[in-house]
């Protein structure tokens, strides 16, 4: 009995204080059809789900920024949930401060080519988050798109409005492209990818977060902390069926509901584009 109690306490301490602060850097190659030559080897770093000042501390976000800078990527994607907007008595001023504090730390990212999309928590108070991101020069894409141009070739970057509390307007968010121009979409909820491919077959890669990878992964059991719109595509690189579209789901930095991670550490992703 005492052994079981000691084990439970030990696992709780590990999940709450150790693994929650072990940042895993995941390197993946993503093969893209008709990828223009200037983008061969193009490297994209992704961070997601900061949930700032809920169960994520300033020092850990700074640590992630420092690790990202060491990777020296060509582009950075930040895929939402910068804050945690809960339905408690948290004041708008507190949420504003959290948004600005998080955006300021992320302003330490050296790569100037960086794009952001909103998560469901951000979409509860979108003006607070968008103002914070704008102040620290994070390019927020919300039902809009832009491009990265290299030596006469183009990679389209699209950002969706949050699919949980906002409305993605795909005709506004997805550009009309030429055949050899890939499209990369930033969107928070990964299961929205099914709606995306129903609308268009032109998207090559979607970057998402939202799921935290399940956050607590007990061996031999399914994840127990998956949110709505994050139950089908949980983590990692996934090829959508009958489509050219791939999706990468980042496990995020922060936590929700419980300040624990087990068998599911926080993630910094580095994706390297290569021709299929």
C-alpha atoms as a PDB file:
ATOM      1  CA  UNK A   1       0.000   0.000   0.000  1.00  0.00           C
ATOM      2  CA  UNK A   2       2.784   2.417   0.959  1.00  0.00           C
ATOM      3  CA  UNK A   3       4.716   1.441  -2.159  1.00  0.00           C
ATOM      4  CA  UNK A   4       1.711   2.206  -4.360  1.00  0.00           C
ATOM      5  CA  UNK A   5       1.178   5.564  -2.719  1.00  0.00           C
ATOM      6  CA  UNK A   6       4.855   6.447  -3.063  1.00  0.00           C
ATOM      7  CA  UNK A   7       4.773   5.459  -6.743  1.00  0.00           C
ATOM      8  CA  UNK A   8       1.696   7.616  -7.351  1.00  0.00           C
ATOM      9  CA  UNK A   9       3.327  10.596  -5.659  1.00  0.00           C
ATOM     10  CA  UNK A  10       6.535  10.041  -7.617  1.00  0.00           C
ATOM     11  CA  UNK A  11       4.685   9.871 -10.938  1.00  0.00           C
ATOM     12  CA  UNK A  12       2.766  13.010 -10.054  1.00  0.00           C
ATOM     13  CA  UNK A  13       5.953  14.904  -9.282  1.00  0.00           C
ATOM     14  CA  UNK A  14       7.573  13.632 -12.497  1.00  0.00           C
ATOM     15  CA  UNK A  15       4.579  14.550 -14.673  1.00  0.00           C
ATOM     16  CA  UNK A  16       4.060  17.931 -13.022  1.00  0.00           C
ATOM     17  CA  UNK A  17       7.603  19.169 -12.499  1.00  0.00           C
ATOM     18  CA  UNK A  18       9.942  17.165 -14.732  1.00  0.00           C
ATOM     19  CA  UNK A  19       8.408  16.061 -18.031  1.00  0.00           C
ATOM     20  CA  UNK A  20       6.314  19.219 -18.281  1.00  0.00           C
ATOM     21  CA  UNK A  21       9.602  21.111 -18.602  1.00  0.00           C
ATOM     22  CA  UNK A  22      11.488  18.721 -20.905  1.00  0.00           C
ATOM     23  CA  UNK A  23      11.362  20.318 -24.335  1.00  0.00           C
ATOM     24  CA  UNK A  24      11.566  17.777 -27.156  1.00  0.00           C
ATOM     25  CA  UNK A  25      12.905  19.031 -30.488  1.00  0.00           C
ATOM     26  CA  UNK A  26      11.334  16.987 -33.284  1.00  0.00           C
ATOM     27  CA  UNK A  27      12.958  16.988 -36.737  1.00  0.00           C
ATOM     28  CA  UNK A  28      10.794  15.845 -39.648  1.00  0.00           C
ATOM     29  CA  UNK A  29      11.189  15.927 -43.420  1.00  0.00           C
ATOM     30  CA  UNK A  30       8.050  16.823 -45.350  1.00  0.00           C
ATOM     31  CA  UNK A  31       7.932  15.890 -49.015  1.00  0.00           C
ATOM     32  CA  UNK A  32       5.987  18.341 -51.189  1.00  0.00           C
ATOM     33  CA  UNK A  33       4.861  17.704 -54.766  1.00  0.00           C
ATOM     34  CA  UNK A  34       6.327  20.130 -57.311  1.00  0.00           C
ATOM     35  CA  UNK A  35       8.300  21.961 -54.637  1.00  0.00           C
ATOM     36  CA  UNK A  36      10.215  24.787 -56.378  1.00  0.00           C
ATOM     37  CA  UNK A  37      13.982  24.433 -56.245  1.00  0.00           C
ATOM     38  CA  UNK A  38      14.610  27.522 -54.035  1.00  0.00           C
ATOM     39  CA  UNK A  39      12.520  25.852 -51.292  1.00  0.00           C
ATOM     40  CA  UNK A  40      14.385  22.540 -51.306  1.00  0.00           C
ATOM     41  CA  UNK A  41      15.645  22.234 -47.731  1.00  0.00           C
ATOM     42  CA  UNK A  42      13.523  25.180 -46.535  1.00  0.00           C
ATOM     43  CA  UNK A  43      13.190  24.815 -42.749  1.00  0.00           C
ATOM     44  CA  UNK A  44      10.110  25.773 -40.735  1.00  0.00           C
ATOM     45  CA  UNK A  45      10.118  25.864 -36.930  1.00  0.00           C
ATOM     46  CA  UNK A  46       6.762  25.483 -35.195  1.00  0.00           C
ATOM     47  CA  UNK A  47       5.654  26.273 -31.644  1.00  0.00           C
ATOM     48  CA  UNK A  48       2.089  26.042 -30.382  1.00  0.00           C
ATOM     49  CA  UNK A  49      -0.246  26.094 -27.360  1.00  0.00           C
ATOM     50  CA  UNK A  50       1.627  28.312 -24.942  1.00  0.00           C
ATOM     51  CA  UNK A  51      -1.363  28.799 -22.593  1.00  0.00           C
ATOM     52  CA  UNK A  52       0.654  31.568 -21.052  1.00  0.00           C
ATOM     53  CA  UNK A  53       0.399  31.927 -17.277  1.00  0.00           C
ATOM     54  CA  UNK A  54      -2.012  29.080 -16.854  1.00  0.00           C
ATOM     55  CA  UNK A  55       0.335  26.107 -16.632  1.00  0.00           C
ATOM     56  CA  UNK A  56       3.230  27.625 -18.567  1.00  0.00           C
ATOM     57  CA  UNK A  57       5.924  29.814 -17.067  1.00  0.00           C
ATOM     58  CA  UNK A  58       7.908  32.662 -18.569  1.00  0.00           C
ATOM     59  CA  UNK A  59      11.228  30.857 -18.173  1.00  0.00           C
ATOM     60  CA  UNK A  60      10.027  27.866 -20.166  1.00  0.00           C
ATOM     61  CA  UNK A  61       8.753  29.939 -23.086  1.00  0.00           C
ATOM     62  CA  UNK A  62      12.110  31.783 -23.109  1.00  0.00           C
ATOM     63  CA  UNK A  63      13.854  28.417 -23.112  1.00  0.00           C
ATOM     64  CA  UNK A  64      11.813  27.352 -26.150  1.00  0.00           C
ATOM     65  CA  UNK A  65      12.646  30.617 -27.935  1.00  0.00           C
ATOM     66  CA  UNK A  66      16.363  30.111 -27.247  1.00  0.00           C
ATOM     67  CA  UNK A  67      16.226  26.556 -28.585  1.00  0.00           C
ATOM     68  CA  UNK A  68      14.352  27.738 -31.659  1.00  0.00           C
ATOM     69  CA  UNK A  69      16.969  30.415 -32.325  1.00  0.00           C
ATOM     70  CA  UNK A  70      19.699  27.774 -32.153  1.00  0.00           C
ATOM     71  CA  UNK A  71      17.968  25.954 -35.029  1.00  0.00           C
ATOM     72  CA  UNK A  72      18.213  29.094 -37.216  1.00  0.00           C
ATOM     73  CA  UNK A  73      15.095  28.266 -39.288  1.00  0.00           C
ATOM     74  CA  UNK A  74      14.039  29.973 -42.508  1.00  0.00           C
ATOM     75  CA  UNK A  75      10.524  30.564 -41.179  1.00  0.00           C
ATOM     76  CA  UNK A  76       8.619  30.291 -37.892  1.00  0.00           C
ATOM     77  CA  UNK A  77       4.980  29.247 -37.445  1.00  0.00           C
ATOM     78  CA  UNK A  78       3.137  29.938 -34.169  1.00  0.00           C
ATOM     79  CA  UNK A  79      -0.151  28.064 -34.220  1.00  0.00           C
ATOM     80  CA  UNK A  80      -2.266  29.555 -31.462  1.00  0.00           C
ATOM     81  CA  UNK A  81      -3.442  29.424 -27.868  1.00  0.00           C
ATOM     82  CA  UNK A  82      -1.045  32.103 -26.718  1.00  0.00           C
ATOM     83  CA  UNK A  83      -3.183  32.571 -23.584  1.00  0.00           C
ATOM     84  CA  UNK A  84      -5.726  30.577 -21.604  1.00  0.00           C
ATOM     85  CA  UNK A  85      -9.122  32.272 -21.610  1.00  0.00           C
ATOM     86  CA  UNK A  86     -11.084  30.406 -18.958  1.00  0.00           C
ATOM     87  CA  UNK A  87     -14.584  31.188 -17.788  1.00  0.00           C
ATOM     88  CA  UNK A  88     -13.544  32.117 -14.265  1.00  0.00           C
ATOM     89  CA  UNK A  89     -13.203  35.561 -12.738  1.00  0.00           C
ATOM     90  CA  UNK A  90      -9.998  36.353 -14.605  1.00  0.00           C
ATOM     91  CA  UNK A  91     -10.146  39.989 -15.646  1.00  0.00           C
ATOM     92  CA  UNK A  92      -9.692  41.330 -19.136  1.00  0.00           C
ATOM     93  CA  UNK A  93      -6.646  43.232 -17.890  1.00  0.00           C
ATOM     94  CA  UNK A  94      -5.034  39.995 -16.698  1.00  0.00           C
ATOM     95  CA  UNK A  95      -5.672  38.353 -20.063  1.00  0.00           C
ATOM     96  CA  UNK A  96      -4.269  41.404 -21.830  1.00  0.00           C
ATOM     97  CA  UNK A  97      -1.132  41.304 -19.702  1.00  0.00           C
ATOM     98  CA  UNK A  98      -0.686  37.589 -20.363  1.00  0.00           C
ATOM     99  CA  UNK A  99      -1.071  38.130 -24.111  1.00  0.00           C
ATOM    100  CA  UNK A 100       1.470  40.964 -24.173  1.00  0.00           C
ATOM    101  CA  UNK A 101       3.931  39.119 -21.931  1.00  0.00           C
ATOM    102  CA  UNK A 102       3.784  36.027 -24.138  1.00  0.00           C
ATOM    103  CA  UNK A 103       4.093  38.044 -27.357  1.00  0.00           C
ATOM    104  CA  UNK A 104       7.052  39.958 -25.915  1.00  0.00           C
ATOM    105  CA  UNK A 105       8.967  36.782 -25.081  1.00  0.00           C
ATOM    106  CA  UNK A 106       8.188  35.382 -28.532  1.00  0.00           C
ATOM    107  CA  UNK A 107       9.472  38.671 -29.940  1.00  0.00           C
ATOM    108  CA  UNK A 108      12.892  37.304 -29.007  1.00  0.00           C
ATOM    109  CA  UNK A 109      12.681  34.935 -31.984  1.00  0.00           C
ATOM    110  CA  UNK A 110      15.472  36.000 -34.322  1.00  0.00           C
ATOM    111  CA  UNK A 111      13.903  34.776 -37.557  1.00  0.00           C
ATOM    112  CA  UNK A 112      12.108  37.745 -39.158  1.00  0.00           C
ATOM    113  CA  UNK A 113       9.885  35.503 -41.307  1.00  0.00           C
ATOM    114  CA  UNK A 114       7.283  34.443 -38.772  1.00  0.00           C
ATOM    115  CA  UNK A 115       3.549  33.937 -39.017  1.00  0.00           C
ATOM    116  CA  UNK A 116       0.862  33.274 -36.419  1.00  0.00           C
ATOM    117  CA  UNK A 117      -2.663  31.922 -36.261  1.00  0.00           C
ATOM    118  CA  UNK A 118      -5.128  32.088 -33.396  1.00  0.00           C
ATOM    119  CA  UNK A 119      -6.290  29.250 -31.193  1.00  0.00           C
ATOM    120  CA  UNK A 120      -9.651  28.720 -29.542  1.00  0.00           C
ATOM    121  CA  UNK A 121      -8.526  30.423 -26.309  1.00  0.00           C
ATOM    122  CA  UNK A 122      -7.236  33.427 -28.248  1.00  0.00           C
ATOM    123  CA  UNK A 123     -10.512  33.679 -30.160  1.00  0.00           C
ATOM    124  CA  UNK A 124     -12.445  34.347 -26.935  1.00  0.00           C
ATOM    125  CA  UNK A 125     -10.717  37.750 -26.694  1.00  0.00           C
ATOM    126  CA  UNK A 126      -9.295  38.159 -30.230  1.00  0.00           C
ATOM    127  CA  UNK A 127      -8.548  41.891 -30.042  1.00  0.00           C
ATOM    128  CA  UNK A 128      -6.345  41.446 -26.981  1.00  0.00           C
ATOM    129  CA  UNK A 129      -4.266  38.776 -28.651  1.00  0.00           C
ATOM    130  CA  UNK A 130      -4.085  40.421 -32.068  1.00  0.00           C
ATOM    131  CA  UNK A 131      -2.961  43.730 -30.509  1.00  0.00           C
ATOM    132  CA  UNK A 132      -0.225  41.947 -28.567  1.00  0.00           C
ATOM    133  CA  UNK A 133       1.015  40.036 -31.613  1.00  0.00           C
ATOM    134  CA  UNK A 134       1.031  43.186 -33.740  1.00  0.00           C
ATOM    135  CA  UNK A 135       3.052  45.156 -31.168  1.00  0.00           C
ATOM    136  CA  UNK A 136       5.857  42.612 -31.263  1.00  0.00           C
ATOM    137  CA  UNK A 137       5.793  42.176 -35.046  1.00  0.00           C
ATOM    138  CA  UNK A 138       4.217  38.734 -35.252  1.00  0.00           C
ATOM    139  CA  UNK A 139       2.395  38.502 -38.577  1.00  0.00           C
ATOM    140  CA  UNK A 140      -1.087  37.261 -37.655  1.00  0.00           C
ATOM    141  CA  UNK A 141      -2.967  35.564 -40.485  1.00  0.00           C
ATOM    142  CA  UNK A 142      -6.695  35.332 -39.781  1.00  0.00           C
ATOM    143  CA  UNK A 143      -8.671  34.304 -42.855  1.00  0.00           C
ATOM    144  CA  UNK A 144      -5.886  35.787 -44.933  1.00  0.00           C
ATOM    145  CA  UNK A 145      -2.738  34.794 -46.771  1.00  0.00           C
ATOM    146  CA  UNK A 146       0.651  36.052 -47.809  1.00  0.00           C
ATOM    147  CA  UNK A 147       3.688  34.521 -49.474  1.00  0.00           C
ATOM    148  CA  UNK A 148       7.371  33.854 -49.044  1.00  0.00           C
ATOM    149  CA  UNK A 149       9.222  34.615 -52.272  1.00  0.00           C
ATOM    150  CA  UNK A 150      12.644  33.163 -53.057  1.00  0.00           C
ATOM    151  CA  UNK A 151      14.505  33.734 -56.311  1.00  0.00           C
ATOM    152  CA  UNK A 152      11.333  34.214 -58.321  1.00  0.00           C
ATOM    153  CA  UNK A 153       9.435  31.281 -56.763  1.00  0.00           C
ATOM    154  CA  UNK A 154       6.645  31.427 -54.200  1.00  0.00           C
ATOM    155  CA  UNK A 155       5.400  29.549 -51.138  1.00  0.00           C
ATOM    156  CA  UNK A 156       1.924  30.635 -50.070  1.00  0.00           C
ATOM    157  CA  UNK A 157       1.265  30.979 -46.319  1.00  0.00           C
ATOM    158  CA  UNK A 158      -2.388  30.909 -45.281  1.00  0.00           C
ATOM    159  CA  UNK A 159      -3.854  31.482 -41.830  1.00  0.00           C
ATOM    160  CA  UNK A 160      -7.302  30.321 -40.771  1.00  0.00           C
ATOM    161  CA  UNK A 161      -9.526  31.926 -38.192  1.00  0.00           C
ATOM    162  CA  UNK A 162     -10.035  29.615 -35.244  1.00  0.00           C
ATOM    163  CA  UNK A 163     -12.487  26.858 -36.093  1.00  0.00           C
ATOM    164  CA  UNK A 164     -13.863  26.499 -32.558  1.00  0.00           C
ATOM    165  CA  UNK A 165     -15.001  29.995 -31.553  1.00  0.00           C
ATOM    166  CA  UNK A 166     -14.506  31.843 -34.842  1.00  0.00           C
ATOM    167  CA  UNK A 167     -15.381  31.093 -38.480  1.00  0.00           C
ATOM    168  CA  UNK A 168     -12.736  30.059 -41.029  1.00  0.00           C
ATOM    169  CA  UNK A 169     -13.672  31.682 -44.337  1.00  0.00           C
ATOM    170  CA  UNK A 170     -11.793  29.524 -46.798  1.00  0.00           C
ATOM    171  CA  UNK A 171     -12.315  31.649 -49.955  1.00  0.00           C
ATOM    172  CA  UNK A 172     -10.538  34.474 -48.129  1.00  0.00           C
ATOM    173  CA  UNK A 173      -7.843  32.298 -46.583  1.00  0.00           C
ATOM    174  CA  UNK A 174      -6.777  30.084 -49.498  1.00  0.00           C
ATOM    175  CA  UNK A 175      -5.056  31.754 -52.476  1.00  0.00           C
ATOM    176  CA  UNK A 176      -5.523  30.892 -56.111  1.00  0.00           C
ATOM    177  CA  UNK A 177      -2.162  29.427 -56.984  1.00  0.00           C
ATOM    178  CA  UNK A 178      -0.222  28.292 -59.995  1.00  0.00           C
ATOM    179  CA  UNK A 179       0.487  24.555 -60.197  1.00  0.00           C
ATOM    180  CA  UNK A 180       4.048  24.757 -58.900  1.00  0.00           C
ATOM    181  CA  UNK A 181       3.277  27.089 -55.962  1.00  0.00           C
ATOM    182  CA  UNK A 182       2.771  25.128 -52.705  1.00  0.00           C
ATOM    183  CA  UNK A 183       0.298  26.231 -50.056  1.00  0.00           C
ATOM    184  CA  UNK A 184       1.031  25.968 -46.334  1.00  0.00           C
ATOM    185  CA  UNK A 185      -1.909  26.543 -43.956  1.00  0.00           C
ATOM    186  CA  UNK A 186      -1.719  27.536 -40.288  1.00  0.00           C
ATOM    187  CA  UNK A 187      -4.804  26.422 -38.388  1.00  0.00           C
ATOM    188  CA  UNK A 188      -5.222  25.531 -34.752  1.00  0.00           C
ATOM    189  CA  UNK A 189      -7.657  22.594 -34.681  1.00  0.00           C
ATOM    190  CA  UNK A 190      -6.292  19.629 -36.664  1.00  0.00           C
ATOM    191  CA  UNK A 191      -9.612  17.886 -37.321  1.00  0.00           C
ATOM    192  CA  UNK A 192     -10.666  20.908 -39.402  1.00  0.00           C
ATOM    193  CA  UNK A 193      -8.303  19.489 -42.030  1.00  0.00           C
ATOM    194  CA  UNK A 194     -11.145  17.282 -43.269  1.00  0.00           C
ATOM    195  CA  UNK A 195     -13.243  20.364 -44.018  1.00  0.00           C
ATOM    196  CA  UNK A 196     -10.245  22.000 -45.649  1.00  0.00           C
ATOM    197  CA  UNK A 197      -9.678  19.166 -48.137  1.00  0.00           C
ATOM    198  CA  UNK A 198     -13.394  19.084 -48.959  1.00  0.00           C
ATOM    199  CA  UNK A 199     -13.038  22.700 -50.032  1.00  0.00           C
ATOM    200  CA  UNK A 200      -9.752  22.384 -51.939  1.00  0.00           C
ATOM    201  CA  UNK A 201      -7.183  19.811 -52.956  1.00  0.00           C
ATOM    202  CA  UNK A 202      -4.527  22.503 -53.420  1.00  0.00           C
ATOM    203  CA  UNK A 203      -3.172  22.625 -49.848  1.00  0.00           C
ATOM    204  CA  UNK A 204       0.120  20.790 -49.410  1.00  0.00           C
ATOM    205  CA  UNK A 205       0.654  21.094 -45.662  1.00  0.00           C
ATOM    206  CA  UNK A 206      -1.382  22.221 -42.662  1.00  0.00           C
ATOM    207  CA  UNK A 207       0.278  23.026 -39.339  1.00  0.00           C
ATOM    208  CA  UNK A 208      -1.881  22.628 -36.224  1.00  0.00           C
ATOM    209  CA  UNK A 209      -1.739  22.234 -32.467  1.00  0.00           C
ATOM    210  CA  UNK A 210      -4.673  22.133 -30.007  1.00  0.00           C
ATOM    211  CA  UNK A 211      -4.385  18.503 -28.903  1.00  0.00           C
ATOM    212  CA  UNK A 212      -1.228  18.763 -26.741  1.00  0.00           C
ATOM    213  CA  UNK A 213      -0.604  15.283 -28.152  1.00  0.00           C
ATOM    214  CA  UNK A 214      -3.036  13.984 -25.545  1.00  0.00           C
ATOM    215  CA  UNK A 215      -0.883  15.493 -22.751  1.00  0.00           C
ATOM    216  CA  UNK A 216      -1.105  12.361 -20.575  1.00  0.00           C
ATOM    217  CA  UNK A 217      -0.334   9.198 -22.527  1.00  0.00           C
ATOM    218  CA  UNK A 218      -0.660   6.067 -20.426  1.00  0.00           C
ATOM    219  CA  UNK A 219       1.024   3.138 -22.221  1.00  0.00           C
ATOM    220  CA  UNK A 220      -1.400   0.807 -24.053  1.00  0.00           C
ATOM    221  CA  UNK A 221      -4.319   3.226 -23.550  1.00  0.00           C
ATOM    222  CA  UNK A 222      -5.743   5.931 -25.800  1.00  0.00           C
ATOM    223  CA  UNK A 223      -5.043   9.573 -24.882  1.00  0.00           C
ATOM    224  CA  UNK A 224      -7.396  10.741 -22.143  1.00  0.00           C
ATOM    225  CA  UNK A 225      -7.245  14.540 -22.531  1.00  0.00           C
ATOM    226  CA  UNK A 226      -8.156  15.193 -26.158  1.00  0.00           C
ATOM    227  CA  UNK A 227     -10.279  18.273 -26.938  1.00  0.00           C
ATOM    228  CA  UNK A 228     -13.131  18.564 -29.414  1.00  0.00           C
ATOM    229  CA  UNK A 229     -11.812  19.032 -32.982  1.00  0.00           C
ATOM    230  CA  UNK A 230      -8.600  17.319 -31.925  1.00  0.00           C
ATOM    231  CA  UNK A 231      -9.673  13.708 -31.534  1.00  0.00           C
ATOM    232  CA  UNK A 232      -8.870  12.335 -34.987  1.00  0.00           C
ATOM    233  CA  UNK A 233      -5.457  13.803 -35.795  1.00  0.00           C
ATOM    234  CA  UNK A 234      -3.560  13.817 -32.504  1.00  0.00           C
ATOM    235  CA  UNK A 235       0.165  14.345 -33.148  1.00  0.00           C
ATOM    236  CA  UNK A 236       2.906  14.145 -35.727  1.00  0.00           C
ATOM    237  CA  UNK A 237       2.906  14.087 -39.509  1.00  0.00           C
ATOM    238  CA  UNK A 238      -0.192  12.599 -41.114  1.00  0.00           C
ATOM    239  CA  UNK A 239      -1.099  12.094 -44.764  1.00  0.00           C
ATOM    240  CA  UNK A 240      -4.793  12.788 -45.248  1.00  0.00           C
ATOM    241  CA  UNK A 241      -6.544  10.027 -47.196  1.00  0.00           C
ATOM    242  CA  UNK A 242      -7.294  10.591 -50.890  1.00  0.00           C
ATOM    243  CA  UNK A 243      -5.567  13.955 -50.836  1.00  0.00           C
ATOM    244  CA  UNK A 244      -2.211  15.591 -51.457  1.00  0.00           C
ATOM    245  CA  UNK A 245      -2.604  17.380 -48.105  1.00  0.00           C
ATOM    246  CA  UNK A 246      -0.445  16.483 -45.133  1.00  0.00           C
ATOM    247  CA  UNK A 247      -0.956  17.780 -41.620  1.00  0.00           C
ATOM    248  CA  UNK A 248       1.545  18.185 -38.830  1.00  0.00           C
ATOM    249  CA  UNK A 249       0.145  18.343 -35.271  1.00  0.00           C
ATOM    250  CA  UNK A 250       2.500  19.866 -32.708  1.00  0.00           C
ATOM    251  CA  UNK A 251       2.147  18.742 -29.065  1.00  0.00           C
ATOM    252  CA  UNK A 252       2.476  22.315 -27.814  1.00  0.00           C
ATOM    253  CA  UNK A 253       4.349  23.850 -24.888  1.00  0.00           C
ATOM    254  CA  UNK A 254       1.685  24.312 -22.246  1.00  0.00           C
ATOM    255  CA  UNK A 255      -0.992  22.287 -20.486  1.00  0.00           C
ATOM    256  CA  UNK A 256      -4.735  22.434 -19.993  1.00  0.00           C
ATOM    257  CA  UNK A 257      -6.960  21.197 -17.174  1.00  0.00           C
ATOM    258  CA  UNK A 258      -4.055  19.630 -15.269  1.00  0.00           C
ATOM    259  CA  UNK A 259      -0.428  20.804 -14.923  1.00  0.00           C
ATOM    260  CA  UNK A 260       0.832  17.386 -15.995  1.00  0.00           C
ATOM    261  CA  UNK A 261       2.501  15.793 -18.984  1.00  0.00           C
ATOM    262  CA  UNK A 262       3.280  12.119 -19.085  1.00  0.00           C
ATOM    263  CA  UNK A 263       4.787  10.193 -22.002  1.00  0.00           C
ATOM    264  CA  UNK A 264       4.021  13.318 -24.053  1.00  0.00           C
ATOM    265  CA  UNK A 265       6.665  16.058 -23.601  1.00  0.00           C
ATOM    266  CA  UNK A 266       6.338  19.651 -24.887  1.00  0.00           C
ATOM    267  CA  UNK A 267       7.454  20.044 -28.474  1.00  0.00           C
ATOM    268  CA  UNK A 268       9.484  22.317 -30.707  1.00  0.00           C
ATOM    269  CA  UNK A 269       9.215  21.151 -34.308  1.00  0.00           C
ATOM    270  CA  UNK A 270      11.628  21.693 -37.192  1.00  0.00           C
ATOM    271  CA  UNK A 271      10.133  20.698 -40.541  1.00  0.00           C
ATOM    272  CA  UNK A 272      12.392  20.511 -43.588  1.00  0.00           C
ATOM    273  CA  UNK A 273      10.681  20.747 -46.981  1.00  0.00           C
ATOM    274  CA  UNK A 274      11.949  18.472 -49.748  1.00  0.00           C
ATOM    275  CA  UNK A 275      10.565  17.564 -53.189  1.00  0.00           C
ATOM    276  CA  UNK A 276       8.408  14.441 -53.352  1.00  0.00           C
END
